[in-house]
Amino acid sequence: MTEPLWQRCLQHLEREIAPQEFNTWIRPLHMQEISKQHIVLLAPNRFVLDRVQQHFSARLIELLTQLNHNQKLQLQLQVGTRRKSAQAQPSTAGDRAGQKRNNIVSFGDKLAQNREPPTNRAKPQRVWQQSPLNQKFTFQDFVAGNANRLAYAAAQQAAETCDFNPLFIYGGAGLGKTHLMQAVGHQLRQTRPQANIVYLPTERFVSDMVKAIQNRVIEDFKAYYRSVDVLLIDDIQFLAGKVRSQEEFFHTFNTLIEGHQQVIMTCDRAPRALDGLEDRLKSRLGSGLTVTVDVPARDTLVSILQRKAAVSNVKLSDEVAEFIANHINSNIRELEGALHRLLASARFMHREISLDFSREALHDLLAPQIQPQYNITEIQQQVADYFKLSLEDLLSKRRQRVIVRPRQMAISLCKDLTEQSLTEIGHAFNRDRSTVTHSYKTIHKLVGADQSVQQDYQRLRTQLSG
């Protein structure tokens, strides 16, 4: 068995594997013959070795056996470098042309140029590798609304240019932060297929750093994370209280930003509100563009439910979607969980998804929230008193502005503060469902644009809460 066997294997793999993966993981390997039935491949460091073992060893064995006239071969991977006689052999013209053409120097080659790790080093327990992107977390599957529109626009911009670096997305759990960040990753992989895009939770970064220290490969760890083109790191709040991890992330962050490599982070709060983080790190985190995702409005939640149901080939009625959104409105994950329960129950029980069936199927999920804090009659009377109208005028067909605006205000408050569906609210005001929807949108648009309307709305909510 000679060197040409390995060169032929490389040629096959180069046609099968994406250029970035080939140059990063396969090209740094060198073959060392032990016997005709036994092959040793040398990797320049532990990181490359573990990655090849996990993802490429089966194909290597299959291909080498095939090229060896179908004689079964045993493959052994080790960290090490070839003997000088072997190292002196020039690379093939194809290798040199491929490296020049792709303008890529693999991570393994970079490390090999800087240091020759000893072959007797203890093997790390795990490889440093990115977590996979969720295939459902794309821009196409994200429902944008007023509560997340800025974050949505910022994420789309980040997928096109690096004008705002870093991008820091914060908000409560289950509101779409990770979805937006991974959507950037998906789009970048399409538009920049050669880029090294890494996504991982902060806890993975911390865990990998600790294990790198334990296994004396911290320089490999640093080189890897500081050489990525785009770093997507989730839940940065988990760095709190971890001084050594903060120090490493601080320097990694600075290296990436100074190198014009993109950094996108998510967190459950704004940078300045992060307790347990050094001030200099807080300052760095907030040095780019900081955007928030808030709890979506009810109409956005309805859209989310209906779109998710459509993926399962189910048409969810407005009445059912509004019922679920009225009761589960603080967390999109819980909202999707309720939808999954409903769809599964309907399928298993061979039932049509009606409002009554939804109440039955989701009764235990809705139980903590089933008792309304307010009732429609109370809201109607409070609004009438506030605007010095009679209840009869508020519910009448009269269309004078002094009556229409308070009526729209009352309808909007009923939608925000009660569990009633749009249809039920409409009945209480002698209006149809479309009028209720129009009133709600009108008031919430004015709340954002007209200070007097905003004050009236907030005062009424305060009075009702008191």
Protein backbone atom coordinates (compact mmCIF):
# COMPACT_ATOMS: atom_id res chain seq x y z
CA MET A 1 0.00 0.00 0.00
CA THR A 2 1.56 3.29 -1.07
CA GLU A 3 0.96 7.01 -1.02
CA PRO A 4 -0.96 7.05 -4.37
CA LEU A 5 -3.75 5.08 -2.65
CA TRP A 6 -4.34 7.95 -0.25
CA GLN A 7 -4.08 10.50 -3.06
CA ARG A 8 -6.75 8.64 -5.02
CA CYS A 9 -8.90 8.52 -1.89
CA LEU A 10 -8.49 12.29 -1.52
CA GLN A 11 -9.54 12.84 -5.11
CA HIS A 12 -12.75 10.85 -4.53
CA LEU A 13 -13.54 12.68 -1.29
CA GLU A 14 -12.91 16.08 -2.84
CA ARG A 15 -15.68 15.35 -5.33
CA GLU A 16 -18.07 14.16 -2.60
CA ILE A 17 -17.57 16.69 0.19
CA ALA A 18 -18.18 20.43 0.22
CA PRO A 19 -14.93 22.40 -0.32
CA GLN A 20 -15.02 23.99 3.12
CA GLU A 21 -15.38 20.65 4.92
CA PHE A 22 -12.81 18.94 2.71
CA ASN A 23 -10.16 21.61 3.30
CA THR A 24 -10.90 21.82 7.02
CA TRP A 25 -11.11 18.15 7.98
CA ILE A 26 -9.76 15.86 5.24
CA ARG A 27 -6.84 17.66 3.59
CA PRO A 28 -4.84 17.96 6.87
CA LEU A 29 -4.78 14.13 7.24
CA HIS A 30 -1.69 12.17 6.22
CA MET A 31 -1.42 8.43 5.69
CA GLN A 32 1.23 6.28 7.35
CA GLU A 33 1.40 2.62 6.32
CA ILE A 34 1.61 -0.02 9.07
CA SER A 35 0.73 -3.14 7.14
CA LYS A 36 -1.26 -4.17 4.12
CA GLN A 37 -4.35 -4.68 6.24
CA HIS A 38 -3.89 -1.79 8.62
CA ILE A 39 -3.79 1.95 7.90
CA VAL A 40 -2.87 4.77 10.23
CA LEU A 41 -4.01 8.29 9.40
CA LEU A 42 -2.31 11.15 11.21
CA ALA A 43 -4.29 14.25 12.19
CA PRO A 44 -2.49 17.49 13.14
CA ASN A 45 -4.46 17.92 16.38
CA ARG A 46 -7.17 16.42 18.57
CA PHE A 47 -9.90 18.60 17.18
CA VAL A 48 -9.44 17.36 13.60
CA LEU A 49 -9.01 13.78 14.80
CA ASP A 50 -12.27 13.71 16.78
CA ARG A 51 -14.23 15.35 13.98
CA VAL A 52 -12.98 12.82 11.42
CA GLN A 53 -13.73 9.90 13.74
CA GLN A 54 -17.31 11.06 14.26
CA HIS A 55 -18.23 12.10 10.75
CA PHE A 56 -15.91 10.66 8.12
CA SER A 57 -14.30 7.42 9.38
CA ALA A 58 -17.00 5.10 7.97
CA ARG A 59 -16.71 6.60 4.50
CA LEU A 60 -12.90 6.53 4.68
CA ILE A 61 -12.90 2.81 5.45
CA GLU A 62 -15.39 2.11 2.69
CA LEU A 63 -13.49 4.12 0.09
CA LEU A 64 -10.03 2.84 1.03
CA THR A 65 -11.27 -0.74 0.93
CA GLN A 66 -12.82 -0.18 -2.48
CA LEU A 67 -9.60 1.34 -3.84
CA ASN A 68 -7.61 -1.52 -2.31
CA HIS A 69 -9.33 -4.08 -4.57
CA ASN A 70 -12.06 -4.65 -1.96
CA GLN A 71 -9.63 -6.01 0.60
CA LYS A 72 -10.96 -5.11 4.07
CA LEU A 73 -8.81 -2.53 5.83
CA GLN A 74 -8.65 -1.47 9.44
CA LEU A 75 -8.36 2.27 10.02
CA GLN A 76 -6.58 3.86 12.96
CA LEU A 77 -6.56 7.61 13.58
CA GLN A 78 -3.83 9.25 15.63
CA VAL A 79 -2.58 12.72 16.42
CA GLY A 80 0.86 13.21 14.98
CA THR A 81 2.95 14.31 12.02
CA ARG A 82 4.57 12.30 9.28
CA ARG A 83 8.23 11.41 9.32
CA LYS A 84 10.37 14.04 7.64
CA SER A 85 10.93 11.86 4.60
CA ALA A 86 7.21 11.73 4.09
CA GLN A 87 6.71 15.38 4.94
CA ALA A 88 9.24 16.39 2.36
CA GLN A 89 7.10 14.95 -0.40
CA PRO A 90 5.48 17.79 -2.30
CA SER A 91 1.74 17.99 -2.52
CA THR A 92 0.14 17.09 -5.79
CA ALA A 93 -0.63 19.77 -8.34
CA GLY A 94 -4.29 19.14 -7.73
CA ASP A 95 -3.84 19.82 -4.02
CA ARG A 96 -2.02 23.11 -4.63
CA ALA A 97 -4.50 24.22 -7.25
CA GLY A 98 -7.44 23.31 -5.04
CA GLN A 99 -6.05 25.33 -2.12
CA LYS A 100 -5.38 28.32 -4.32
CA ARG A 101 -8.74 28.07 -6.05
CA ASN A 102 -10.73 27.94 -2.81
CA ASN A 103 -8.47 30.45 -1.00
CA ILE A 104 -8.97 28.36 2.12
CA VAL A 105 -6.37 27.22 4.61
CA SER A 106 -7.90 24.58 6.81
CA PHE A 107 -8.08 24.97 10.56
CA GLY A 108 -5.99 21.82 10.94
CA ASP A 109 -3.29 23.13 8.61
CA LYS A 110 -3.10 26.41 10.49
CA LEU A 111 -2.54 24.61 13.76
CA ALA A 112 -0.02 22.26 12.21
CA GLN A 113 2.00 25.24 10.99
CA ASN A 114 2.11 26.76 14.46
CA ARG A 115 2.73 23.72 16.61
CA GLU A 116 3.25 19.98 16.51
CA PRO A 117 1.16 18.43 19.28
CA PRO A 118 2.69 15.40 20.98
CA THR A 119 1.23 12.07 19.97
CA ASN A 120 0.94 10.81 23.54
CA ARG A 121 -1.48 13.48 24.72
CA ALA A 122 -4.61 12.23 26.48
CA LYS A 123 -7.59 12.23 24.15
CA PRO A 124 -10.31 14.83 24.90
CA GLN A 125 -13.67 13.54 25.94
CA ARG A 126 -15.50 15.36 23.15
CA VAL A 127 -14.96 17.42 20.02
CA TRP A 128 -15.62 21.15 19.82
CA GLN A 129 -18.31 21.39 17.24
CA GLN A 130 -21.24 23.57 16.48
CA SER A 131 -24.77 22.57 17.27
CA PRO A 132 -26.89 21.92 14.16
CA LEU A 133 -29.30 24.59 12.97
CA ASN A 134 -32.98 23.80 13.30
CA GLN A 135 -34.31 23.39 9.77
CA LYS A 136 -37.60 25.04 10.78
CA PHE A 137 -35.92 28.22 11.99
CA THR A 138 -35.88 30.21 8.76
CA PHE A 139 -37.06 33.68 7.84
CA GLN A 140 -39.85 32.13 5.78
CA ASP A 141 -41.25 30.39 8.88
CA PHE A 142 -41.00 33.43 11.16
CA VAL A 143 -44.20 35.42 11.78
CA ALA A 144 -43.29 39.08 12.18
CA GLY A 145 -45.46 41.50 14.16
CA ASN A 146 -45.14 44.81 15.94
CA ALA A 147 -43.49 43.15 18.93
CA ASN A 148 -40.58 41.75 16.90
CA ARG A 149 -40.50 43.79 13.69
CA LEU A 150 -37.27 45.66 14.48
CA ALA A 151 -35.48 42.45 15.51
CA TYR A 152 -36.75 40.76 12.35
CA ALA A 153 -35.47 43.59 10.14
CA ALA A 154 -32.12 43.64 11.96
CA ALA A 155 -31.67 39.89 11.51
CA GLN A 156 -32.46 40.15 7.79
CA GLN A 157 -29.92 42.95 7.49
CA ALA A 158 -27.31 40.87 9.33
CA ALA A 159 -27.83 38.10 6.79
CA GLU A 160 -26.96 40.52 3.99
CA THR A 161 -24.26 42.78 5.43
CA CYS A 162 -22.14 43.17 8.54
CA ASP A 163 -23.04 46.83 9.10
CA PHE A 164 -24.10 46.32 12.71
CA ASN A 165 -21.62 44.11 14.52
CA PRO A 166 -22.33 42.59 16.97
CA LEU A 167 -26.09 42.04 16.75
CA PHE A 168 -27.57 41.48 20.22
CA ILE A 169 -31.14 40.11 20.38
CA TYR A 170 -32.80 39.95 23.78
CA GLY A 171 -36.21 39.10 25.20
CA GLY A 172 -38.10 36.57 27.29
CA ALA A 173 -38.04 32.81 26.83
CA GLY A 174 -39.87 31.34 23.88
CA LEU A 175 -40.36 34.58 21.93
CA GLY A 176 -38.26 33.78 18.83
CA LYS A 177 -34.72 34.97 19.58
CA THR A 178 -33.09 31.68 18.61
CA HIS A 179 -35.36 31.40 15.57
CA LEU A 180 -34.16 34.76 14.25
CA MET A 181 -30.50 34.04 14.93
CA GLN A 182 -30.61 30.66 13.25
CA ALA A 183 -32.51 32.16 10.32
CA VAL A 184 -29.47 34.35 9.75
CA GLY A 185 -27.30 31.24 9.80
CA HIS A 186 -29.49 29.46 7.24
CA GLN A 187 -29.45 32.39 4.85
CA LEU A 188 -25.70 32.93 5.19
CA ARG A 189 -25.07 29.28 4.39
CA GLN A 190 -26.93 29.82 1.13
CA THR A 191 -25.32 33.11 0.17
CA ARG A 192 -21.83 32.38 1.56
CA PRO A 193 -21.34 28.61 1.25
CA GLN A 194 -17.59 28.90 1.85
CA ALA A 195 -18.02 30.76 5.15
CA ASN A 196 -17.32 29.00 8.45
CA ILE A 197 -20.59 29.62 10.33
CA VAL A 198 -20.78 28.28 13.88
CA TYR A 199 -23.87 28.15 16.09
CA LEU A 200 -23.76 26.98 19.70
CA PRO A 201 -25.33 27.66 23.11
CA THR A 202 -23.18 29.59 25.60
CA GLU A 203 -23.13 26.56 27.91
CA ARG A 204 -21.44 24.55 25.12
CA PHE A 205 -18.78 27.25 24.78
CA VAL A 206 -18.12 27.14 28.53
CA SER A 207 -18.09 23.33 28.64
CA ASP A 208 -15.72 23.06 25.70
CA MET A 209 -13.37 25.61 27.21
CA VAL A 210 -13.21 23.70 30.51
CA LYS A 211 -12.48 20.43 28.73
CA ALA A 212 -9.88 22.11 26.55
CA ILE A 213 -8.07 23.28 29.70
CA GLN A 214 -8.33 19.82 31.25
CA ASN A 215 -6.90 18.18 28.15
CA ARG A 216 -4.25 20.85 27.58
CA VAL A 217 -5.55 21.90 24.19
CA ILE A 218 -6.69 25.43 25.06
CA GLU A 219 -4.66 26.90 22.20
CA ASP A 220 -6.54 24.68 19.76
CA PHE A 221 -9.79 25.87 21.31
CA LYS A 222 -8.83 29.52 20.97
CA ALA A 223 -7.67 29.08 17.38
CA TYR A 224 -10.92 27.41 16.39
CA TYR A 225 -13.36 29.95 17.83
CA ARG A 226 -11.28 32.93 16.76
CA SER A 227 -11.07 31.75 13.16
CA VAL A 228 -14.81 31.43 12.41
CA ASP A 229 -16.43 33.80 9.93
CA VAL A 230 -19.75 34.02 11.77
CA LEU A 231 -20.36 33.13 15.43
CA LEU A 232 -23.98 32.61 16.51
CA ILE A 233 -24.05 32.18 20.28
CA ASP A 234 -27.26 31.56 22.22
CA ASP A 235 -28.22 32.56 25.80
CA ILE A 236 -25.18 34.68 26.61
CA GLN A 237 -26.59 35.25 30.13
CA PHE A 238 -25.11 31.89 31.14
CA LEU A 239 -21.66 33.51 31.21
CA ALA A 240 -22.72 35.27 34.44
CA GLY A 241 -20.50 34.40 37.36
CA LYS A 242 -18.02 32.42 35.22
CA VAL A 243 -14.96 34.65 35.42
CA ARG A 244 -12.55 32.47 33.43
CA SER A 245 -15.12 31.88 30.69
CA GLN A 246 -15.88 35.60 30.51
CA GLU A 247 -12.19 36.33 30.09
CA GLU A 248 -11.86 33.87 27.20
CA PHE A 249 -15.06 35.02 25.53
CA PHE A 250 -14.01 38.67 25.89
CA HIS A 251 -10.79 38.06 23.97
CA THR A 252 -12.51 35.83 21.42
CA PHE A 253 -15.17 38.50 20.90
CA ASN A 254 -12.58 41.24 20.43
CA THR A 255 -10.61 39.15 17.96
CA LEU A 256 -13.69 38.46 15.86
CA ILE A 257 -14.93 42.06 15.86
CA GLU A 258 -11.49 43.45 15.02
CA GLY A 259 -11.25 40.91 12.20
CA HIS A 260 -14.65 42.01 10.82
CA GLN A 261 -16.05 38.56 11.56
CA GLN A 262 -19.72 38.57 12.41
CA VAL A 263 -21.07 37.94 15.93
CA ILE A 264 -24.76 37.48 16.74
CA MET A 265 -25.92 36.81 20.30
CA THR A 266 -29.18 36.19 22.13
CA CYS A 267 -29.94 36.87 25.76
CA ASP A 268 -32.90 37.11 28.14
CA ARG A 269 -32.16 40.74 29.01
CA ALA A 270 -30.35 43.83 27.75
CA PRO A 271 -26.53 43.90 28.11
CA ARG A 272 -26.52 46.49 30.89
CA ALA A 273 -29.05 44.47 32.89
CA LEU A 274 -26.82 41.38 33.02
CA ASP A 275 -25.70 40.75 36.59
CA GLY A 276 -22.51 38.79 37.14
CA LEU A 277 -20.79 40.05 33.98
CA GLU A 278 -17.76 42.34 33.95
CA ASP A 279 -18.50 45.90 32.91
CA ARG A 280 -16.03 45.77 30.04
CA LEU A 281 -17.83 42.72 28.61
CA LYS A 282 -21.24 44.36 29.01
CA SER A 283 -19.90 47.35 27.12
CA ARG A 284 -18.67 45.14 24.27
CA LEU A 285 -21.95 43.23 24.03
CA GLY A 286 -23.90 46.44 23.58
CA SER A 287 -21.45 48.07 21.18
CA GLY A 288 -23.30 47.10 18.01
CA LEU A 289 -27.04 46.93 17.44
CA THR A 290 -29.26 45.83 20.33
CA VAL A 291 -32.84 44.83 19.56
CA THR A 292 -35.61 43.25 21.60
CA VAL A 293 -38.39 40.76 20.96
CA ASP A 294 -41.49 41.22 23.08
CA VAL A 295 -44.60 39.16 23.67
CA PRO A 296 -46.51 39.16 20.36
CA ALA A 297 -49.91 40.81 20.08
CA ARG A 298 -52.87 38.50 19.96
CA ASP A 299 -53.34 38.81 16.21
CA THR A 300 -49.71 37.75 15.71
CA LEU A 301 -50.26 34.74 17.96
CA VAL A 302 -53.29 33.79 15.89
CA SER A 303 -51.20 34.03 12.71
CA ILE A 304 -48.50 31.84 14.28
CA LEU A 305 -51.04 29.20 15.26
CA GLN A 306 -52.67 29.12 11.85
CA ARG A 307 -49.36 28.97 10.01
CA LYS A 308 -48.08 26.15 12.23
CA ALA A 309 -51.34 24.26 11.75
CA ALA A 310 -51.08 24.71 7.99
CA VAL A 311 -47.69 22.98 8.04
CA SER A 312 -49.58 19.92 9.34
CA ASN A 313 -52.21 20.36 6.60
CA VAL A 314 -54.80 21.54 9.12
CA LYS A 315 -56.91 24.66 8.61
CA LEU A 316 -57.40 26.17 12.05
CA SER A 317 -60.46 28.39 12.31
CA ASP A 318 -60.11 31.97 13.55
CA GLU A 319 -62.38 31.14 16.50
CA VAL A 320 -60.19 28.26 17.71
CA ALA A 321 -56.93 30.13 17.09
CA GLU A 322 -58.22 33.14 19.02
CA PHE A 323 -59.35 30.92 21.88
CA ILE A 324 -55.89 29.39 22.25
CA ALA A 325 -54.14 32.76 21.86
CA ASN A 326 -56.39 34.30 24.50
CA HIS A 327 -55.29 31.74 27.08
CA ILE A 328 -51.66 31.09 26.16
CA ASN A 329 -50.15 34.41 25.19
CA SER A 330 -46.84 34.84 26.99
CA ASN A 331 -44.67 32.18 25.35
CA ILE A 332 -44.60 30.94 21.78
CA ARG A 333 -43.19 27.55 22.81
CA GLU A 334 -46.16 26.96 25.10
CA LEU A 335 -48.46 28.16 22.33
CA GLU A 336 -46.97 25.61 19.90
CA GLY A 337 -47.16 22.94 22.59
CA ALA A 338 -50.88 23.56 22.99
CA LEU A 339 -51.35 23.38 19.23
CA HIS A 340 -49.47 20.07 19.04
CA ARG A 341 -51.67 18.69 21.81
CA LEU A 342 -54.81 19.81 19.99
CA LEU A 343 -53.76 18.39 16.62
CA ALA A 344 -52.69 15.08 18.16
CA SER A 345 -55.91 14.77 20.17
CA ALA A 346 -58.02 15.41 17.08
CA ARG A 347 -56.08 12.83 15.10
CA PHE A 348 -56.13 10.13 17.76
CA MET A 349 -59.79 10.66 18.67
CA HIS A 350 -60.96 11.21 15.07
CA ARG A 351 -62.60 14.49 16.04
CA GLU A 352 -63.11 17.75 14.20
CA ILE A 353 -61.27 20.70 15.71
CA SER A 354 -64.08 22.90 16.98
CA LEU A 355 -64.14 25.42 19.82
CA ASP A 356 -65.84 22.93 22.16
CA PHE A 357 -63.33 20.21 21.32
CA SER A 358 -60.46 22.66 21.87
CA ARG A 359 -61.75 23.45 25.35
CA GLU A 360 -61.97 19.73 26.08
CA ALA A 361 -58.56 18.80 24.66
CA LEU A 362 -56.68 21.67 26.31
CA HIS A 363 -58.57 21.95 29.58
CA ASP A 364 -55.59 21.08 31.79
CA LEU A 365 -53.25 23.47 29.96
CA LEU A 366 -55.75 26.28 30.20
CA ALA A 367 -56.95 25.60 33.74
CA PRO A 368 -54.57 28.04 35.49
CA GLN A 369 -55.75 30.85 33.21
CA ILE A 370 -59.36 29.91 32.60
CA GLN A 371 -60.88 32.36 35.08
CA PRO A 372 -61.07 35.82 33.49
CA GLN A 373 -59.82 38.80 35.46
CA TYR A 374 -62.38 41.09 33.87
CA ASN A 375 -65.78 40.81 32.26
CA ILE A 376 -67.11 42.69 29.26
CA THR A 377 -69.94 44.44 31.14
CA GLU A 378 -67.50 45.84 33.69
CA ILE A 379 -65.24 47.20 30.93
CA GLN A 380 -68.15 48.71 29.02
CA GLN A 381 -69.43 50.56 32.11
CA GLN A 382 -65.94 51.77 33.09
CA VAL A 383 -65.28 53.19 29.62
CA ALA A 384 -68.70 54.86 29.47
CA ASP A 385 -68.13 56.50 32.85
CA TYR A 386 -64.61 57.63 31.88
CA PHE A 387 -65.85 59.38 28.74
CA LYS A 388 -69.07 60.59 30.45
CA LEU A 389 -71.36 58.59 28.17
CA SER A 390 -74.34 56.44 28.93
CA LEU A 391 -73.98 52.70 28.41
CA GLU A 392 -76.81 52.92 25.86
CA ASP A 393 -74.84 55.45 23.78
CA LEU A 394 -71.71 53.30 23.92
CA LEU A 395 -73.60 50.27 22.58
CA SER A 396 -75.76 52.19 20.12
CA LYS A 397 -75.40 52.41 16.34
CA ARG A 398 -74.53 56.10 16.52
CA ARG A 399 -71.35 57.00 14.62
CA GLN A 400 -70.40 60.37 16.06
CA ARG A 401 -66.67 60.58 16.81
CA VAL A 402 -67.26 61.29 20.51
CA ILE A 403 -68.97 57.88 20.72
CA VAL A 404 -67.07 55.84 18.12
CA ARG A 405 -63.64 56.36 19.71
CA PRO A 406 -64.74 55.33 23.25
CA ARG A 407 -66.55 52.34 21.73
CA GLN A 408 -63.38 51.27 19.92
CA MET A 409 -61.46 51.77 23.16
CA ALA A 410 -63.87 49.50 25.05
CA ILE A 411 -63.72 46.82 22.36
CA SER A 412 -59.91 46.89 22.38
CA LEU A 413 -59.79 46.61 26.17
CA CYS A 414 -62.17 43.64 26.05
CA LYS A 415 -59.87 41.91 23.58
CA ASP A 416 -56.79 42.61 25.69
CA LEU A 417 -58.22 41.87 29.11
CA THR A 418 -60.76 39.07 28.69
CA GLU A 419 -60.71 35.53 27.40
CA GLN A 420 -63.58 36.15 25.02
CA SER A 421 -63.20 35.52 21.30
CA LEU A 422 -63.70 38.26 18.72
CA THR A 423 -67.10 36.84 17.90
CA GLU A 424 -68.19 36.91 21.54
CA ILE A 425 -66.94 40.47 21.97
CA GLY A 426 -68.80 41.47 18.83
CA HIS A 427 -72.08 40.06 20.21
CA ALA A 428 -71.63 42.07 23.41
CA PHE A 429 -71.32 45.30 21.40
CA ASN A 430 -73.95 44.41 18.77
CA ARG A 431 -71.19 44.37 16.15
CA ASP A 432 -69.77 41.76 13.81
CA ARG A 433 -66.34 40.23 14.04
CA SER A 434 -64.77 42.46 11.37
CA THR A 435 -65.79 45.58 13.29
CA VAL A 436 -64.13 44.24 16.43
CA THR A 437 -60.91 43.55 14.48
CA HIS A 438 -60.96 47.02 12.94
CA SER A 439 -61.56 48.69 16.31
CA TYR A 440 -58.72 46.79 17.93
CA LYS A 441 -56.22 47.65 15.18
CA THR A 442 -57.31 51.28 15.14
CA ILE A 443 -56.83 51.79 18.87
CA HIS A 444 -53.47 50.04 19.02
CA LYS A 445 -52.24 52.08 16.08
CA LEU A 446 -53.35 55.29 17.81
CA VAL A 447 -51.77 54.21 21.10
CA GLY A 448 -48.42 54.20 19.35
CA ALA A 449 -48.97 57.51 17.55
CA ASP A 450 -51.28 59.68 19.68
CA GLN A 451 -50.19 60.52 23.21
CA SER A 452 -53.68 61.48 24.37
CA VAL A 453 -55.12 58.14 23.21
CA GLN A 454 -52.23 56.34 24.88
CA GLN A 455 -52.92 58.16 28.18
CA ASP A 456 -56.64 57.37 28.04
CA TYR A 457 -55.95 53.72 27.32
CA GLN A 458 -53.41 53.36 30.13
CA ARG A 459 -55.61 55.18 32.64
CA LEU A 460 -58.53 52.90 31.84
CA ARG A 461 -56.36 49.82 32.24
CA THR A 462 -55.11 51.16 35.58
CA GLN A 463 -58.65 51.87 36.79
CA LEU A 464 -59.81 48.40 35.77
CA SER A 465 -56.84 46.84 37.56
CA GLY A 466 -57.61 48.79 40.72
